[in-house]
Amino acid sequence: MRIGYPGTKRRTSCGIALSEVVISIAISALSVAAVVSSYVLSARSADFIAYSSAADAAAQARMEQSRAAKWDTSADPLIDELVSTNFPPKVDVLDVPVVGSSGFYATNKTTITVVSANPPLKMVQVDCIWSDPTRKRTFTNTVTTYRSPDQ
C-alpha cells in the first residue's frame, strides 16, 4: 500500500548531487578570492595615498621656506634671498608610519624663475621626487606659486 497523496510520484533521491556541491564550493572560492583581492588592492591604494600625501607635505614645507625668504626691493641695498642657490636639493624623510624600516626618503628640488622684472615677480616651483616601494617606480609631486617682493 502506498502512503501519500493519490496521483503523486515518489522521489527517488533525497540528497544533493556531487556536481551541485562542487559548483557551490567553486562559487564560494571565487567570492572569497574577490574579497581578498579587493582588500589587497585597497591596502596598496591606501599606502600609495599615504606616500603621496607625505610627499605633498614635504613639498609644501619647502615652499613655506621659500615664502619666508626675504625679498625686499625697496631696501637699500636690495635684499633678495629668493634665489635657487639658497635652496639646494634636499633629501627628507617622508612622514609615513613605518614598522621595521628606517623610513622612506624623498628629494625636494626648488626652482626659482624670474617671471617679470617690472613689476617684480618670481615663480617658485618645488618638485618632491619619491619612489613607491611596492610599485618600484618614482613619482613627482609638484607645488608651484608666484611671489612678489615683501611690502
C-alpha atoms as a PDB file:
ATOM      1  CA  MET A   1       0.000   0.000   0.000  1.00  0.00           C
ATOM      2  CA  ARG A   2       1.290   3.413  -0.939  1.00  0.00           C
ATOM      3  CA  ILE A   3       1.294   6.295   1.529  1.00  0.00           C
ATOM      4  CA  GLY A   4       0.845   9.801   0.251  1.00  0.00           C
ATOM      5  CA  TYR A   5      -1.452  11.777  -1.915  1.00  0.00           C
ATOM      6  CA  PRO A   6      -3.082   9.996  -4.779  1.00  0.00           C
ATOM      7  CA  GLY A   7      -1.502  10.729  -8.188  1.00  0.00           C
ATOM      8  CA  THR A   8       1.918  11.855  -6.850  1.00  0.00           C
ATOM      9  CA  LYS A   9       5.133  10.102  -7.697  1.00  0.00           C
ATOM     10  CA  ARG A  10       7.645   9.113  -5.126  1.00  0.00           C
ATOM     11  CA  ARG A  11      11.054  10.911  -5.256  1.00  0.00           C
ATOM     12  CA  THR A  12      13.947   8.668  -5.914  1.00  0.00           C
ATOM     13  CA  SER A  13      16.700  10.933  -4.483  1.00  0.00           C
ATOM     14  CA  CYS A  14      16.726  12.830  -1.236  1.00  0.00           C
ATOM     15  CA  GLY A  15      20.211  14.450  -1.212  1.00  0.00           C
ATOM     16  CA  ILE A  16      22.428  16.910  -3.065  1.00  0.00           C
ATOM     17  CA  ALA A  17      24.334  15.741  -6.081  1.00  0.00           C
ATOM     18  CA  LEU A  18      28.133  15.908  -6.107  1.00  0.00           C
ATOM     19  CA  SER A  19      28.098  18.331  -9.050  1.00  0.00           C
ATOM     20  CA  GLU A  20      25.969  20.778  -7.050  1.00  0.00           C
ATOM     21  CA  VAL A  21      28.443  20.613  -4.139  1.00  0.00           C
ATOM     22  CA  VAL A  22      31.411  21.219  -6.450  1.00  0.00           C
ATOM     23  CA  ILE A  23      29.724  24.206  -8.116  1.00  0.00           C
ATOM     24  CA  SER A  24      28.770  25.755  -4.766  1.00  0.00           C
ATOM     25  CA  ILE A  25      32.357  25.334  -3.493  1.00  0.00           C
ATOM     26  CA  ALA A  26      33.678  26.972  -6.679  1.00  0.00           C
ATOM     27  CA  ILE A  27      31.308  29.925  -6.281  1.00  0.00           C
ATOM     28  CA  SER A  28      32.320  30.300  -2.618  1.00  0.00           C
ATOM     29  CA  ALA A  29      36.029  30.163  -3.539  1.00  0.00           C
ATOM     30  CA  LEU A  30      35.565  32.859  -6.189  1.00  0.00           C
ATOM     31  CA  SER A  31      33.721  35.043  -3.683  1.00  0.00           C
ATOM     32  CA  VAL A  32      36.472  34.673  -1.074  1.00  0.00           C
ATOM     33  CA  ALA A  33      39.156  35.354  -3.714  1.00  0.00           C
ATOM     34  CA  ALA A  34      37.320  38.523  -4.771  1.00  0.00           C
ATOM     35  CA  VAL A  35      37.113  39.764  -1.175  1.00  0.00           C
ATOM     36  CA  VAL A  36      40.815  39.060  -0.533  1.00  0.00           C
ATOM     37  CA  SER A  37      41.957  40.720  -3.773  1.00  0.00           C
ATOM     38  CA  SER A  38      39.770  43.751  -3.017  1.00  0.00           C
ATOM     39  CA  TYR A  39      41.368  44.013   0.418  1.00  0.00           C
ATOM     40  CA  VAL A  40      44.894  43.799  -1.052  1.00  0.00           C
ATOM     41  CA  LEU A  41      44.052  46.429  -3.684  1.00  0.00           C
ATOM     42  CA  SER A  42      42.615  48.811  -1.086  1.00  0.00           C
ATOM     43  CA  ALA A  43      45.670  48.328   1.166  1.00  0.00           C
ATOM     44  CA  ARG A  44      48.026  49.150  -1.736  1.00  0.00           C
ATOM     45  CA  SER A  45      45.942  52.200  -2.627  1.00  0.00           C
ATOM     46  CA  ALA A  46      45.995  53.375   0.983  1.00  0.00           C
ATOM     47  CA  ASP A  47      49.796  53.011   1.095  1.00  0.00           C
ATOM     48  CA  PHE A  48      50.178  54.952  -2.149  1.00  0.00           C
ATOM     49  CA  ILE A  49      47.928  57.727  -0.863  1.00  0.00           C
ATOM     50  CA  ALA A  50      49.934  57.868   2.376  1.00  0.00           C
ATOM     51  CA  TYR A  51      53.236  58.219   0.458  1.00  0.00           C
ATOM     52  CA  SER A  52      51.767  60.805  -1.909  1.00  0.00           C
ATOM     53  CA  SER A  53      50.289  62.851   0.947  1.00  0.00           C
ATOM     54  CA  ALA A  54      53.607  62.778   2.804  1.00  0.00           C
ATOM     55  CA  ALA A  55      55.385  63.950  -0.369  1.00  0.00           C
ATOM     56  CA  ASP A  56      52.849  66.774  -0.705  1.00  0.00           C
ATOM     57  CA  ALA A  57      53.548  67.813   2.872  1.00  0.00           C
ATOM     58  CA  ALA A  58      57.325  67.754   2.264  1.00  0.00           C
ATOM     59  CA  ALA A  59      56.956  69.879  -0.881  1.00  0.00           C
ATOM     60  CA  GLN A  60      54.654  72.288   0.924  1.00  0.00           C
ATOM     61  CA  ALA A  61      57.171  72.629   3.785  1.00  0.00           C
ATOM     62  CA  ARG A  62      59.900  73.537   1.295  1.00  0.00           C
ATOM     63  CA  MET A  63      57.520  76.013  -0.343  1.00  0.00           C
ATOM     64  CA  GLU A  64      56.937  77.659   3.034  1.00  0.00           C
ATOM     65  CA  GLN A  65      60.709  78.042   3.435  1.00  0.00           C
ATOM     66  CA  SER A  66      60.869  79.881   0.123  1.00  0.00           C
ATOM     67  CA  ARG A  67      57.924  82.052   1.109  1.00  0.00           C
ATOM     68  CA  ALA A  68      59.810  83.000   4.292  1.00  0.00           C
ATOM     69  CA  ALA A  69      62.882  84.138   2.336  1.00  0.00           C
ATOM     70  CA  LYS A  70      63.382  87.899   2.427  1.00  0.00           C
ATOM     71  CA  TRP A  71      62.969  89.736  -0.874  1.00  0.00           C
ATOM     72  CA  ASP A  72      62.775  93.490  -0.437  1.00  0.00           C
ATOM     73  CA  THR A  73      63.139  95.720  -3.496  1.00  0.00           C
ATOM     74  CA  SER A  74      62.582  98.942  -1.541  1.00  0.00           C
ATOM     75  CA  ALA A  75      65.575  98.364   0.763  1.00  0.00           C
ATOM     76  CA  ASP A  76      68.935  99.946   0.063  1.00  0.00           C
ATOM     77  CA  PRO A  77      70.828  97.794  -0.800  1.00  0.00           C
ATOM     78  CA  LEU A  78      68.357  95.429  -2.428  1.00  0.00           C
ATOM     79  CA  ILE A  79      67.689  92.271  -0.391  1.00  0.00           C
ATOM     80  CA  ASP A  80      66.982  89.160  -2.439  1.00  0.00           C
ATOM     81  CA  GLU A  81      67.258  85.839  -0.624  1.00  0.00           C
ATOM     82  CA  LEU A  82      64.778  84.228  -3.015  1.00  0.00           C
ATOM     83  CA  VAL A  83      67.311  82.631  -5.367  1.00  0.00           C
ATOM     84  CA  SER A  84      67.805  78.999  -6.332  1.00  0.00           C
ATOM     85  CA  THR A  85      71.260  78.804  -4.756  1.00  0.00           C
ATOM     86  CA  ASN A  86      69.704  79.358  -1.315  1.00  0.00           C
ATOM     87  CA  PHE A  87      67.539  76.262  -1.832  1.00  0.00           C
ATOM     88  CA  PRO A  88      69.768  73.343  -2.891  1.00  0.00           C
ATOM     89  CA  PRO A  89      68.198  69.901  -3.392  1.00  0.00           C
ATOM     90  CA  LYS A  90      67.327  68.423  -0.018  1.00  0.00           C
ATOM     91  CA  VAL A  91      66.648  64.812   0.951  1.00  0.00           C
ATOM     92  CA  ASP A  92      63.851  64.479   3.505  1.00  0.00           C
ATOM     93  CA  VAL A  93      62.352  61.538   5.329  1.00  0.00           C
ATOM     94  CA  LEU A  94      58.687  61.205   4.401  1.00  0.00           C
ATOM     95  CA  ASP A  95      56.343  61.357   7.362  1.00  0.00           C
ATOM     96  CA  VAL A  96      54.840  57.892   6.886  1.00  0.00           C
ATOM     97  CA  PRO A  97      54.439  55.416   9.749  1.00  0.00           C
ATOM     98  CA  VAL A  98      56.815  52.533   9.021  1.00  0.00           C
ATOM     99  CA  VAL A  99      57.429  49.378  11.024  1.00  0.00           C
ATOM    100  CA  GLY A 100      60.820  47.698  10.821  1.00  0.00           C
ATOM    101  CA  SER A 101      62.425  50.121   8.363  1.00  0.00           C
ATOM    102  CA  SER A 102      64.458  53.301   8.521  1.00  0.00           C
ATOM    103  CA  GLY A 103      61.831  55.232   6.572  1.00  0.00           C
ATOM    104  CA  PHE A 104      61.145  56.440   3.076  1.00  0.00           C
ATOM    105  CA  TYR A 105      63.095  59.294   1.529  1.00  0.00           C
ATOM    106  CA  ALA A 106      62.181  61.998  -0.954  1.00  0.00           C
ATOM    107  CA  THR A 107      64.249  64.681  -2.690  1.00  0.00           C
ATOM    108  CA  ASN A 108      62.952  68.239  -2.842  1.00  0.00           C
ATOM    109  CA  LYS A 109      64.209  70.328  -5.753  1.00  0.00           C
ATOM    110  CA  THR A 110      63.401  74.031  -5.764  1.00  0.00           C
ATOM    111  CA  THR A 111      63.378  76.056  -8.975  1.00  0.00           C
ATOM    112  CA  ILE A 112      63.024  79.830  -8.850  1.00  0.00           C
ATOM    113  CA  THR A 113      62.384  81.670 -12.116  1.00  0.00           C
ATOM    114  CA  VAL A 114      62.081  85.419 -12.725  1.00  0.00           C
ATOM    115  CA  VAL A 115      58.773  85.964 -14.483  1.00  0.00           C
ATOM    116  CA  SER A 116      58.829  89.743 -14.675  1.00  0.00           C
ATOM    117  CA  ALA A 117      61.317  92.447 -13.743  1.00  0.00           C
ATOM    118  CA  ASN A 118      58.784  95.282 -13.728  1.00  0.00           C
ATOM    119  CA  PRO A 119      56.677  94.617 -11.719  1.00  0.00           C
ATOM    120  CA  PRO A 120      58.966  92.171  -9.911  1.00  0.00           C
ATOM    121  CA  LEU A 121      57.527  88.664  -9.906  1.00  0.00           C
ATOM    122  CA  LYS A 122      59.088  85.220  -9.432  1.00  0.00           C
ATOM    123  CA  MET A 123      57.752  81.725  -9.868  1.00  0.00           C
ATOM    124  CA  VAL A 124      58.722  79.185  -7.221  1.00  0.00           C
ATOM    125  CA  GLN A 125      58.355  75.502  -8.075  1.00  0.00           C
ATOM    126  CA  VAL A 126      59.122  72.673  -5.673  1.00  0.00           C
ATOM    127  CA  ASP A 127      59.363  69.123  -7.026  1.00  0.00           C
ATOM    128  CA  CYS A 128      59.248  66.323  -4.459  1.00  0.00           C
ATOM    129  CA  ILE A 129      60.637  63.154  -6.064  1.00  0.00           C
ATOM    130  CA  TRP A 130      59.886  59.917  -4.244  1.00  0.00           C
ATOM    131  CA  SER A 131      59.631  56.234  -5.003  1.00  0.00           C
ATOM    132  CA  ASP A 132      56.886  53.816  -4.103  1.00  0.00           C
ATOM    133  CA  PRO A 133      58.497  50.673  -2.645  1.00  0.00           C
ATOM    134  CA  THR A 134      55.675  48.389  -3.809  1.00  0.00           C
ATOM    135  CA  ARG A 135      55.487  49.655  -7.388  1.00  0.00           C
ATOM    136  CA  LYS A 136      59.245  50.193  -7.876  1.00  0.00           C
ATOM    137  CA  ARG A 137      58.622  53.495  -9.672  1.00  0.00           C
ATOM    138  CA  THR A 138      59.443  57.110  -8.948  1.00  0.00           C
ATOM    139  CA  PHE A 139      56.807  59.797  -8.729  1.00  0.00           C
ATOM    140  CA  THR A 140      56.982  63.591  -8.589  1.00  0.00           C
ATOM    141  CA  ASN A 141      54.658  65.853  -6.633  1.00  0.00           C
ATOM    142  CA  THR A 142      54.916  69.493  -7.718  1.00  0.00           C
ATOM    143  CA  VAL A 143      53.882  72.674  -5.915  1.00  0.00           C
ATOM    144  CA  THR A 144      54.062  75.988  -7.764  1.00  0.00           C
ATOM    145  CA  THR A 145      53.379  79.531  -6.666  1.00  0.00           C
ATOM    146  CA  TYR A 146      54.133  83.093  -7.738  1.00  0.00           C
ATOM    147  CA  ARG A 147      55.707  85.587  -5.399  1.00  0.00           C
ATOM    148  CA  SER A 148      56.181  89.326  -5.345  1.00  0.00           C
ATOM    149  CA  PRO A 149      58.628  91.238  -3.112  1.00  0.00           C
ATOM    150  CA  ASP A 150      57.975  91.912   0.563  1.00  0.00           C
ATOM    151  CA  GLN A 151      55.980  95.056   1.165  1.00  0.00           C
END
